């Protein structure tokens, strides 16, 4: 049984550069039949434009796993710290990065 546990382990390396993370206050998500693209943007008040700080591309299956993991973690967070208030954000104009929303 102990060997079976070890066989399922995956080592993940986290570099110092990636470990520091990036700040994002806007996510723009698009998709095609074969992938989801999530652009994490930093949009500062009064600035004329935002900047994409990170782009994540994943399969539809992994996008759905991420969604479920986020739902689970938000539920656990709210059980511990209380409900998250969903405030209306200021109107953000539509953004187009030249990525088709329904084609690969």
PDB file of N, CA and C in Angstrom:
ATOM      1  N   UNK A   1       0.836  -1.202   0.000  1.00  0.00           N
ATOM      2  CA  UNK A   1       0.000   0.000   0.000  1.00  0.00           C
ATOM      3  C   UNK A   1       0.871   1.252   0.000  1.00  0.00           C
ATOM      4  N   UNK A   2       1.973   1.247   0.765  1.00  0.00           N
ATOM      5  CA  UNK A   2       2.874   2.390   0.835  1.00  0.00           C
ATOM      6  C   UNK A   2       3.514   2.661  -0.521  1.00  0.00           C
ATOM      7  N   UNK A   3       3.890   1.614  -1.260  1.00  0.00           N
ATOM      8  CA  UNK A   3       4.485   1.792  -2.583  1.00  0.00           C
ATOM      9  C   UNK A   3       3.484   2.395  -3.559  1.00  0.00           C
ATOM     10  N   UNK A   4       2.228   2.026  -3.435  1.00  0.00           N
ATOM     11  CA  UNK A   4       1.187   2.554  -4.320  1.00  0.00           C
ATOM     12  C   UNK A   4       1.051   4.066  -4.137  1.00  0.00           C
ATOM     13  N   UNK A   5       1.127   4.557  -2.904  1.00  0.00           N
ATOM     14  CA  UNK A   5       1.069   5.980  -2.633  1.00  0.00           C
ATOM     15  C   UNK A   5       2.232   6.700  -3.293  1.00  0.00           C
ATOM     16  N   UNK A   6       3.441   6.134  -3.170  1.00  0.00           N
ATOM     17  CA  UNK A   6       4.624   6.757  -3.739  1.00  0.00           C
ATOM     18  C   UNK A   6       4.551   6.796  -5.257  1.00  0.00           C
ATOM     19  N   UNK A   7       3.966   5.791  -5.894  1.00  0.00           N
ATOM     20  CA  UNK A   7       3.845   5.767  -7.344  1.00  0.00           C
ATOM     21  C   UNK A   7       2.959   6.901  -7.861  1.00  0.00           C
ATOM     22  N   UNK A   8       1.996   7.341  -7.058  1.00  0.00           N
ATOM     23  CA  UNK A   8       1.067   8.387  -7.488  1.00  0.00           C
ATOM     24  C   UNK A   8       1.561   9.795  -7.182  1.00  0.00           C
ATOM     25  N   UNK A   9       2.718   9.933  -6.531  1.00  0.00           N
ATOM     26  CA  UNK A   9       3.235  11.249  -6.169  1.00  0.00           C
ATOM     27  C   UNK A   9       3.863  11.933  -7.381  1.00  0.00           C
ATOM     28  N   UNK A  10       3.696  13.231  -7.425  1.00  0.00           N
ATOM     29  CA  UNK A  10       4.305  14.039  -8.470  1.00  0.00           C
ATOM     30  C   UNK A  10       5.103  15.140  -7.785  1.00  0.00           C
ATOM     31  N   UNK A  11       6.341  15.298  -8.188  1.00  0.00           N
ATOM     32  CA  UNK A  11       7.144  16.395  -7.668  1.00  0.00           C
ATOM     33  C   UNK A  11       6.924  17.617  -8.536  1.00  0.00           C
ATOM     34  N   UNK A  12       6.654  18.737  -7.899  1.00  0.00           N
ATOM     35  CA  UNK A  12       6.409  19.987  -8.612  1.00  0.00           C
ATOM     36  C   UNK A  12       7.430  21.008  -8.145  1.00  0.00           C
ATOM     37  N   UNK A  13       8.116  21.606  -9.110  1.00  0.00           N
ATOM     38  CA  UNK A  13       9.112  22.619  -8.796  1.00  0.00           C
ATOM     39  C   UNK A  13       8.484  23.997  -8.897  1.00  0.00           C
ATOM     40  N   UNK A  14       8.758  24.853  -7.934  1.00  0.00           N
ATOM     41  CA  UNK A  14       8.247  26.215  -7.917  1.00  0.00           C
ATOM     42  C   UNK A  14       9.439  27.154  -7.803  1.00  0.00           C
ATOM     43  N   UNK A  15       9.772  27.821  -8.907  1.00  0.00           N
ATOM     44  CA  UNK A  15      10.917  28.731  -8.904  1.00  0.00           C
ATOM     45  C   UNK A  15      10.591  29.966  -8.063  1.00  0.00           C
ATOM     46  N   UNK A  16      11.633  30.663  -7.621  1.00  0.00           N
ATOM     47  CA  UNK A  16      11.429  31.874  -6.823  1.00  0.00           C
ATOM     48  C   UNK A  16      10.671  32.926  -7.616  1.00  0.00           C
ATOM     49  N   UNK A  17      10.961  33.033  -8.902  1.00  0.00           N
ATOM     50  CA  UNK A  17      10.301  34.026  -9.751  1.00  0.00           C
ATOM     51  C   UNK A  17       8.798  33.783  -9.824  1.00  0.00           C
ATOM     52  N   UNK A  18       8.400  32.529 -10.011  1.00  0.00           N
ATOM     53  CA  UNK A  18       6.979  32.194 -10.109  1.00  0.00           C
ATOM     54  C   UNK A  18       6.331  32.244  -8.727  1.00  0.00           C
ATOM     55  N   UNK A  19       7.052  31.870  -7.691  1.00  0.00           N
ATOM     56  CA  UNK A  19       6.504  31.839  -6.332  1.00  0.00           C
ATOM     57  C   UNK A  19       6.057  33.213  -5.858  1.00  0.00           C
ATOM     58  N   UNK A  20       6.674  34.269  -6.367  1.00  0.00           N
ATOM     59  CA  UNK A  20       6.280  35.613  -5.931  1.00  0.00           C
ATOM     60  C   UNK A  20       4.923  36.017  -6.496  1.00  0.00           C
ATOM     61  N   UNK A  21       4.459  35.345  -7.547  1.00  0.00           N
ATOM     62  CA  UNK A  21       3.127  35.594  -8.095  1.00  0.00           C
ATOM     63  C   UNK A  21       3.025  36.908  -8.847  1.00  0.00           C
ATOM     64  N   UNK A  22       1.852  37.152  -9.398  1.00  0.00           N
ATOM     65  CA  UNK A  22       1.546  38.410 -10.074  1.00  0.00           C
ATOM     66  C   UNK A  22       0.175  38.869  -9.590  1.00  0.00           C
ATOM     67  N   UNK A  23      -0.016  40.183  -9.519  1.00  0.00           N
ATOM     68  CA  UNK A  23      -1.289  40.730  -9.087  1.00  0.00           C
ATOM     69  C   UNK A  23      -2.199  40.892 -10.295  1.00  0.00           C
ATOM     70  N   UNK A  24      -3.444  40.481 -10.144  1.00  0.00           N
ATOM     71  CA  UNK A  24      -4.435  40.637 -11.196  1.00  0.00           C
ATOM     72  C   UNK A  24      -5.759  41.027 -10.570  1.00  0.00           C
ATOM     73  N   UNK A  25      -6.431  42.005 -11.170  1.00  0.00           N
ATOM     74  CA  UNK A  25      -7.757  42.375 -10.689  1.00  0.00           C
ATOM     75  C   UNK A  25      -8.813  42.266 -11.786  1.00  0.00           C
ATOM     76  N   UNK A  26      -8.453  41.574 -12.864  1.00  0.00           N
ATOM     77  CA  UNK A  26      -9.388  41.327 -13.952  1.00  0.00           C
ATOM     78  C   UNK A  26      -8.955  40.064 -14.685  1.00  0.00           C
ATOM     79  N   UNK A  27      -9.896  39.183 -14.954  1.00  0.00           N
ATOM     80  CA  UNK A  27      -9.605  37.983 -15.744  1.00  0.00           C
ATOM     81  C   UNK A  27     -10.521  37.998 -16.960  1.00  0.00           C
ATOM     82  N   UNK A  28      -9.935  37.751 -18.111  1.00  0.00           N
ATOM     83  CA  UNK A  28     -10.696  37.668 -19.349  1.00  0.00           C
ATOM     84  C   UNK A  28     -10.537  36.249 -19.867  1.00  0.00           C
ATOM     85  N   UNK A  29     -11.649  35.554 -20.022  1.00  0.00           N
ATOM     86  CA  UNK A  29     -11.600  34.145 -20.402  1.00  0.00           C
ATOM     87  C   UNK A  29     -12.300  33.964 -21.742  1.00  0.00           C
ATOM     88  N   UNK A  30     -11.598  33.334 -22.679  1.00  0.00           N
ATOM     89  CA  UNK A  30     -12.152  33.013 -23.982  1.00  0.00           C
ATOM     90  C   UNK A  30     -11.936  31.525 -24.224  1.00  0.00           C
ATOM     91  N   UNK A  31     -12.585  31.009 -25.251  1.00  0.00           N
ATOM     92  CA  UNK A  31     -12.431  29.579 -25.521  1.00  0.00           C
ATOM     93  C   UNK A  31     -12.619  29.279 -26.998  1.00  0.00           C
ATOM     94  N   UNK A  32     -12.097  28.135 -27.387  1.00  0.00           N
ATOM     95  CA  UNK A  32     -12.311  27.554 -28.708  1.00  0.00           C
ATOM     96  C   UNK A  32     -12.803  26.132 -28.459  1.00  0.00           C
ATOM     97  N   UNK A  33     -13.071  25.362 -29.472  1.00  0.00           N
ATOM     98  CA  UNK A  33     -13.492  23.979 -29.220  1.00  0.00           C
ATOM     99  C   UNK A  33     -12.430  23.149 -28.488  1.00  0.00           C
ATOM    100  N   UNK A  34     -11.163  23.553 -28.582  1.00  0.00           N
ATOM    101  CA  UNK A  34     -10.101  22.712 -28.020  1.00  0.00           C
ATOM    102  C   UNK A  34      -9.361  23.302 -26.831  1.00  0.00           C
ATOM    103  N   UNK A  35      -9.598  24.576 -26.496  1.00  0.00           N
ATOM    104  CA  UNK A  35      -8.851  25.158 -25.385  1.00  0.00           C
ATOM    105  C   UNK A  35      -9.570  26.344 -24.762  1.00  0.00           C
ATOM    106  N   UNK A  36      -9.219  26.602 -23.509  1.00  0.00           N
ATOM    107  CA  UNK A  36      -9.651  27.797 -22.801  1.00  0.00           C
ATOM    108  C   UNK A  36      -8.415  28.663 -22.599  1.00  0.00           C
ATOM    109  N   UNK A  37      -8.586  29.967 -22.764  1.00  0.00           N
ATOM    110  CA  UNK A  37      -7.494  30.918 -22.558  1.00  0.00           C
ATOM    111  C   UNK A  37      -7.941  31.890 -21.472  1.00  0.00           C
ATOM    112  N   UNK A  38      -7.157  31.980 -20.408  1.00  0.00           N
ATOM    113  CA  UNK A  38      -7.445  32.915 -19.317  1.00  0.00           C
ATOM    114  C   UNK A  38      -6.319  33.935 -19.267  1.00  0.00           C
ATOM    115  N   UNK A  39      -6.658  35.195 -19.531  1.00  0.00           N
ATOM    116  CA  UNK A  39      -5.707  36.294 -19.419  1.00  0.00           C
ATOM    117  C   UNK A  39      -5.961  37.001 -18.099  1.00  0.00           C
ATOM    118  N   UNK A  40      -4.929  37.097 -17.283  1.00  0.00           N
ATOM    119  CA  UNK A  40      -5.018  37.768 -15.997  1.00  0.00           C
ATOM    120  C   UNK A  40      -4.393  39.153 -16.160  1.00  0.00           C
ATOM    121  N   UNK A  41      -5.227  40.172 -15.938  1.00  0.00           N
ATOM    122  CA  UNK A  41      -4.880  41.553 -16.257  1.00  0.00           C
ATOM    123  C   UNK A  41      -4.746  42.375 -14.985  1.00  0.00           C
ATOM    124  N   UNK A  42      -3.816  43.325 -15.023  1.00  0.00           N
ATOM    125  CA  UNK A  42      -3.712  44.319 -13.956  1.00  0.00           C
ATOM    126  C   UNK A  42      -4.215  45.623 -14.547  1.00  0.00           C
ATOM    127  N   UNK A  43      -5.340  46.097 -14.027  1.00  0.00           N
ATOM    128  CA  UNK A  43      -5.976  47.320 -14.504  1.00  0.00           C
ATOM    129  C   UNK A  43      -6.017  48.299 -13.336  1.00  0.00           C
ATOM    130  N   UNK A  44      -5.239  49.342 -13.425  1.00  0.00           N
ATOM    131  CA  UNK A  44      -5.147  50.285 -12.318  1.00  0.00           C
ATOM    132  C   UNK A  44      -6.103  51.451 -12.520  1.00  0.00           C
ATOM    133  N   UNK A  45      -6.711  51.959 -11.437  1.00  0.00           N
ATOM    134  CA  UNK A  45      -7.657  53.070 -11.542  1.00  0.00           C
ATOM    135  C   UNK A  45      -7.009  54.284 -12.222  1.00  0.00           C
ATOM    136  N   UNK A  46      -7.723  54.846 -13.176  1.00  0.00           N
ATOM    137  CA  UNK A  46      -7.240  56.042 -13.858  1.00  0.00           C
ATOM    138  C   UNK A  46      -6.237  55.770 -14.976  1.00  0.00           C
ATOM    139  N   UNK A  47      -5.749  54.555 -15.084  1.00  0.00           N
ATOM    140  CA  UNK A  47      -4.788  54.236 -16.142  1.00  0.00           C
ATOM    141  C   UNK A  47      -5.540  54.042 -17.454  1.00  0.00           C
ATOM    142  N   UNK A  48      -4.963  54.481 -18.562  1.00  0.00           N
ATOM    143  CA  UNK A  48      -5.674  54.376 -19.836  1.00  0.00           C
ATOM    144  C   UNK A  48      -5.786  52.949 -20.369  1.00  0.00           C
ATOM    145  N   UNK A  49      -4.930  52.060 -19.903  1.00  0.00           N
ATOM    146  CA  UNK A  49      -5.024  50.673 -20.360  1.00  0.00           C
ATOM    147  C   UNK A  49      -4.482  49.728 -19.300  1.00  0.00           C
ATOM    148  N   UNK A  50      -4.933  48.477 -19.387  1.00  0.00           N
ATOM    149  CA  UNK A  50      -4.454  47.444 -18.491  1.00  0.00           C
ATOM    150  C   UNK A  50      -3.348  46.655 -19.170  1.00  0.00           C
ATOM    151  N   UNK A  51      -2.704  45.791 -18.398  1.00  0.00           N
ATOM    152  CA  UNK A  51      -1.620  44.979 -18.933  1.00  0.00           C
ATOM    153  C   UNK A  51      -1.853  43.524 -18.546  1.00  0.00           C
ATOM    154  N   UNK A  52      -1.778  42.634 -19.544  1.00  0.00           N
ATOM    155  CA  UNK A  52      -1.889  41.206 -19.255  1.00  0.00           C
ATOM    156  C   UNK A  52      -0.625  40.799 -18.516  1.00  0.00           C
ATOM    157  N   UNK A  53      -0.796  40.268 -17.314  1.00  0.00           N
ATOM    158  CA  UNK A  53       0.336  39.846 -16.488  1.00  0.00           C
ATOM    159  C   UNK A  53       0.630  38.361 -16.630  1.00  0.00           C
ATOM    160  N   UNK A  54      -0.398  37.598 -17.019  1.00  0.00           N
ATOM    161  CA  UNK A  54      -0.201  36.158 -17.177  1.00  0.00           C
ATOM    162  C   UNK A  54      -1.293  35.610 -18.086  1.00  0.00           C
ATOM    163  N   UNK A  55      -0.935  34.629 -18.900  1.00  0.00           N
ATOM    164  CA  UNK A  55      -1.903  33.949 -19.763  1.00  0.00           C
ATOM    165  C   UNK A  55      -1.784  32.453 -19.495  1.00  0.00           C
ATOM    166  N   UNK A  56      -2.916  31.822 -19.232  1.00  0.00           N
ATOM    167  CA  UNK A  56      -2.969  30.389 -18.995  1.00  0.00           C
ATOM    168  C   UNK A  56      -3.832  29.765 -20.078  1.00  0.00           C
ATOM    169  N   UNK A  57      -3.316  28.746 -20.739  1.00  0.00           N
ATOM    170  CA  UNK A  57      -4.055  28.039 -21.784  1.00  0.00           C
ATOM    171  C   UNK A  57      -4.226  26.600 -21.310  1.00  0.00           C
ATOM    172  N   UNK A  58      -5.465  26.101 -21.355  1.00  0.00           N
ATOM    173  CA  UNK A  58      -5.707  24.734 -20.884  1.00  0.00           C
ATOM    174  C   UNK A  58      -6.811  24.069 -21.689  1.00  0.00           C
ATOM    175  N   UNK A  59      -6.862  22.750 -21.559  1.00  0.00           N
ATOM    176  CA  UNK A  59      -7.898  21.978 -22.231  1.00  0.00           C
ATOM    177  C   UNK A  59      -9.245  22.240 -21.557  1.00  0.00           C
ATOM    178  N   UNK A  60     -10.348  21.985 -22.266  1.00  0.00           N
ATOM    179  CA  UNK A  60     -11.660  22.138 -21.625  1.00  0.00           C
ATOM    180  C   UNK A  60     -11.792  21.280 -20.360  1.00  0.00           C
ATOM    181  N   UNK A  61     -11.236  20.076 -20.380  1.00  0.00           N
ATOM    182  CA  UNK A  61     -11.319  19.196 -19.211  1.00  0.00           C
ATOM    183  C   UNK A  61     -10.593  19.814 -18.013  1.00  0.00           C
ATOM    184  N   UNK A  62      -9.395  20.359 -18.246  1.00  0.00           N
ATOM    185  CA  UNK A  62      -8.668  20.970 -17.138  1.00  0.00           C
ATOM    186  C   UNK A  62      -9.311  22.274 -16.691  1.00  0.00           C
ATOM    187  N   UNK A  63      -9.943  23.002 -17.613  1.00  0.00           N
ATOM    188  CA  UNK A  63     -10.666  24.217 -17.229  1.00  0.00           C
ATOM    189  C   UNK A  63     -11.820  23.861 -16.290  1.00  0.00           C
ATOM    190  N   UNK A  64     -12.516  22.775 -16.592  1.00  0.00           N
ATOM    191  CA  UNK A  64     -13.625  22.357 -15.734  1.00  0.00           C
ATOM    192  C   UNK A  64     -13.104  21.902 -14.366  1.00  0.00           C
ATOM    193  N   UNK A  65     -11.971  21.207 -14.337  1.00  0.00           N
ATOM    194  CA  UNK A  65     -11.361  20.816 -13.053  1.00  0.00           C
ATOM    195  C   UNK A  65     -10.972  22.045 -12.243  1.00  0.00           C
ATOM    196  N   UNK A  66     -10.431  23.059 -12.919  1.00  0.00           N
ATOM    197  CA  UNK A  66     -10.068  24.298 -12.237  1.00  0.00           C
ATOM    198  C   UNK A  66     -11.306  24.969 -11.648  1.00  0.00           C
ATOM    199  N   UNK A  67     -12.390  25.014 -12.430  1.00  0.00           N
ATOM    200  CA  UNK A  67     -13.631  25.617 -11.949  1.00  0.00           C
ATOM    201  C   UNK A  67     -14.118  24.901 -10.686  1.00  0.00           C
ATOM    202  N   UNK A  68     -14.107  23.575 -10.702  1.00  0.00           N
ATOM    203  CA  UNK A  68     -14.563  22.816  -9.528  1.00  0.00           C
ATOM    204  C   UNK A  68     -13.648  23.054  -8.335  1.00  0.00           C
ATOM    205  N   UNK A  69     -12.341  23.119  -8.570  1.00  0.00           N
ATOM    206  CA  UNK A  69     -11.392  23.367  -7.483  1.00  0.00           C
ATOM    207  C   UNK A  69     -11.602  24.765  -6.900  1.00  0.00           C
ATOM    208  N   UNK A  70     -11.870  25.753  -7.755  1.00  0.00           N
ATOM    209  CA  UNK A  70     -12.138  27.111  -7.277  1.00  0.00           C
ATOM    210  C   UNK A  70     -13.427  27.147  -6.461  1.00  0.00           C
ATOM    211  N   UNK A  71     -14.487  26.480  -6.939  1.00  0.00           N
ATOM    212  CA  UNK A  71     -15.746  26.436  -6.189  1.00  0.00           C
ATOM    213  C   UNK A  71     -15.529  25.806  -4.816  1.00  0.00           C
ATOM    214  N   UNK A  72     -14.783  24.718  -4.762  1.00  0.00           N
ATOM    215  CA  UNK A  72     -14.501  24.031  -3.503  1.00  0.00           C
ATOM    216  C   UNK A  72     -13.710  24.937  -2.560  1.00  0.00           C
ATOM    217  N   UNK A  73     -12.685  25.595  -3.083  1.00  0.00           N
ATOM    218  CA  UNK A  73     -11.861  26.456  -2.240  1.00  0.00           C
ATOM    219  C   UNK A  73     -12.617  27.694  -1.774  1.00  0.00           C
ATOM    220  N   UNK A  74     -13.469  28.256  -2.609  1.00  0.00           N
ATOM    221  CA  UNK A  74     -14.268  29.409  -2.188  1.00  0.00           C
ATOM    222  C   UNK A  74     -15.241  29.002  -1.085  1.00  0.00           C
ATOM    223  N   UNK A  75     -15.857  27.831  -1.225  1.00  0.00           N
ATOM    224  CA  UNK A  75     -16.768  27.343  -0.176  1.00  0.00           C
ATOM    225  C   UNK A  75     -16.017  27.172   1.143  1.00  0.00           C
ATOM    226  N   UNK A  76     -14.826  26.594   1.105  1.00  0.00           N
ATOM    227  CA  UNK A  76     -14.025  26.410   2.321  1.00  0.00           C
ATOM    228  C   UNK A  76     -13.611  27.757   2.911  1.00  0.00           C
ATOM    229  N   UNK A  77     -13.232  28.695   2.049  1.00  0.00           N
ATOM    230  CA  UNK A  77     -12.861  30.034   2.503  1.00  0.00           C
ATOM    231  C   UNK A  77     -14.029  30.684   3.238  1.00  0.00           C
ATOM    232  N   UNK A  78     -15.229  30.617   2.615  1.00  0.00           N
ATOM    233  CA  UNK A  78     -16.400  31.256   3.214  1.00  0.00           C
ATOM    234  C   UNK A  78     -16.822  30.577   4.510  1.00  0.00           C
ATOM    235  N   UNK A  79     -16.598  29.278   4.637  1.00  0.00           N
ATOM    236  CA  UNK A  79     -16.890  28.593   5.899  1.00  0.00           C
ATOM    237  C   UNK A  79     -15.978  29.109   7.000  1.00  0.00           C
ATOM    238  N   UNK A  80     -14.753  29.427   6.648  1.00  0.00           N
ATOM    239  CA  UNK A  80     -13.778  29.876   7.639  1.00  0.00           C
ATOM    240  C   UNK A  80     -13.887  31.374   7.923  1.00  0.00           C
ATOM    241  N   UNK A  81     -14.012  32.168   6.882  1.00  0.00           N
ATOM    242  CA  UNK A  81     -13.913  33.619   7.033  1.00  0.00           C
ATOM    243  C   UNK A  81     -15.214  34.373   6.796  1.00  0.00           C
ATOM    244  N   UNK A  82     -16.254  33.692   6.395  1.00  0.00           N
ATOM    245  CA  UNK A  82     -17.521  34.358   6.104  1.00  0.00           C
ATOM    246  C   UNK A  82     -17.683  34.602   4.615  1.00  0.00           C
ATOM    247  N   UNK A  83     -18.891  34.984   4.249  1.00  0.00           N
ATOM    248  CA  UNK A  83     -19.220  35.160   2.838  1.00  0.00           C
ATOM    249  C   UNK A  83     -18.411  36.246   2.156  1.00  0.00           C
ATOM    250  N   UNK A  84     -18.116  36.018   0.911  1.00  0.00           N
ATOM    251  CA  UNK A  84     -17.437  37.009   0.082  1.00  0.00           C
ATOM    252  C   UNK A  84     -18.519  37.860  -0.569  1.00  0.00           C
ATOM    253  N   UNK A  85     -18.438  39.159  -0.363  1.00  0.00           N
ATOM    254  CA  UNK A  85     -19.419  40.062  -0.950  1.00  0.00           C
ATOM    255  C   UNK A  85     -19.015  40.325  -2.393  1.00  0.00           C
ATOM    256  N   UNK A  86     -19.925  40.054  -3.304  1.00  0.00           N
ATOM    257  CA  UNK A  86     -19.669  40.250  -4.728  1.00  0.00           C
ATOM    258  C   UNK A  86     -20.118  41.652  -5.100  1.00  0.00           C
ATOM    259  N   UNK A  87     -19.174  42.591  -5.117  1.00  0.00           N
ATOM    260  CA  UNK A  87     -19.506  43.976  -5.438  1.00  0.00           C
ATOM    261  C   UNK A  87     -19.442  44.189  -6.942  1.00  0.00           C
ATOM    262  N   UNK A  88     -20.268  45.083  -7.424  1.00  0.00           N
ATOM    263  CA  UNK A  88     -20.238  45.426  -8.840  1.00  0.00           C
ATOM    264  C   UNK A  88     -18.953  46.180  -9.127  1.00  0.00           C
ATOM    265  N   UNK A  89     -18.220  45.722 -10.135  1.00  0.00           N
ATOM    266  CA  UNK A  89     -17.019  46.448 -10.517  1.00  0.00           C
ATOM    267  C   UNK A  89     -17.398  47.531 -11.512  1.00  0.00           C
ATOM    268  N   UNK A  90     -16.551  48.564 -11.614  1.00  0.00           N
ATOM    269  CA  UNK A  90     -16.857  49.616 -12.579  1.00  0.00           C
ATOM    270  C   UNK A  90     -16.949  49.029 -13.982  1.00  0.00           C
ATOM    271  N   UNK A  91     -17.725  49.674 -14.807  1.00  0.00           N
ATOM    272  CA  UNK A  91     -17.899  49.192 -16.171  1.00  0.00           C
ATOM    273  C   UNK A  91     -16.564  49.149 -16.896  1.00  0.00           C
ATOM    274  N   UNK A  92     -16.244  47.991 -17.435  1.00  0.00           N
ATOM    275  CA  UNK A  92     -15.014  47.819 -18.194  1.00  0.00           C
ATOM    276  C   UNK A  92     -15.414  47.592 -19.639  1.00  0.00           C
ATOM    277  N   UNK A  93     -14.854  48.381 -20.551  1.00  0.00           N
ATOM    278  CA  UNK A  93     -15.233  48.199 -21.944  1.00  0.00           C
ATOM    279  C   UNK A  93     -14.820  46.820 -22.452  1.00  0.00           C
ATOM    280  N   UNK A  94     -15.507  46.302 -23.474  1.00  0.00           N
ATOM    281  CA  UNK A  94     -15.135  45.006 -24.020  1.00  0.00           C
ATOM    282  C   UNK A  94     -13.688  45.020 -24.492  1.00  0.00           C
ATOM    283  N   UNK A  95     -13.008  43.941 -24.245  1.00  0.00           N
ATOM    284  CA  UNK A  95     -11.599  43.840 -24.616  1.00  0.00           C
ATOM    285  C   UNK A  95     -11.459  42.776 -25.681  1.00  0.00           C
ATOM    286  N   UNK A  96     -10.682  43.062 -26.694  1.00  0.00           N
ATOM    287  CA  UNK A  96     -10.450  42.099 -27.764  1.00  0.00           C
ATOM    288  C   UNK A  96      -8.954  41.992 -27.995  1.00  0.00           C
ATOM    289  N   UNK A  97      -8.411  40.817 -27.751  1.00  0.00           N
ATOM    290  CA  UNK A  97      -6.989  40.576 -27.966  1.00  0.00           C
ATOM    291  C   UNK A  97      -6.750  39.940 -29.342  1.00  0.00           C
ATOM    292  N   UNK A  98      -7.763  39.949 -30.200  1.00  0.00           N
ATOM    293  CA  UNK A  98      -7.620  39.306 -31.485  1.00  0.00           C
ATOM    294  C   UNK A  98      -7.758  37.799 -31.397  1.00  0.00           C
ATOM    295  N   UNK A  99      -8.336  37.308 -30.292  1.00  0.00           N
ATOM    296  CA  UNK A  99      -8.502  35.881 -30.108  1.00  0.00           C
ATOM    297  C   UNK A  99      -9.935  35.516 -30.476  1.00  0.00           C
ATOM    298  N   UNK A 100     -10.123  34.603 -31.409  1.00  0.00           N
ATOM    299  CA  UNK A 100     -11.485  34.194 -31.699  1.00  0.00           C
ATOM    300  C   UNK A 100     -12.109  33.552 -30.469  1.00  0.00           C
ATOM    301  N   UNK A 101     -13.368  33.839 -30.213  1.00  0.00           N
ATOM    302  CA  UNK A 101     -14.007  33.305 -29.017  1.00  0.00           C
ATOM    303  C   UNK A 101     -14.631  31.933 -29.248  1.00  0.00           C
ATOM    304  N   UNK A 102     -14.765  31.520 -30.494  1.00  0.00           N
ATOM    305  CA  UNK A 102     -15.404  30.229 -30.729  1.00  0.00           C
ATOM    306  C   UNK A 102     -14.676  29.346 -31.734  1.00  0.00           C
ATOM    307  N   UNK A 103     -13.495  29.750 -32.165  1.00  0.00           N
ATOM    308  CA  UNK A 103     -12.744  28.942 -33.123  1.00  0.00           C
ATOM    309  C   UNK A 103     -11.309  28.791 -32.679  1.00  0.00           C
ATOM    310  N   UNK A 104     -10.678  27.688 -33.075  1.00  0.00           N
ATOM    311  CA  UNK A 104      -9.263  27.470 -32.765  1.00  0.00           C
ATOM    312  C   UNK A 104      -8.392  28.119 -33.815  1.00  0.00           C
TER     313      UNK A 104
END
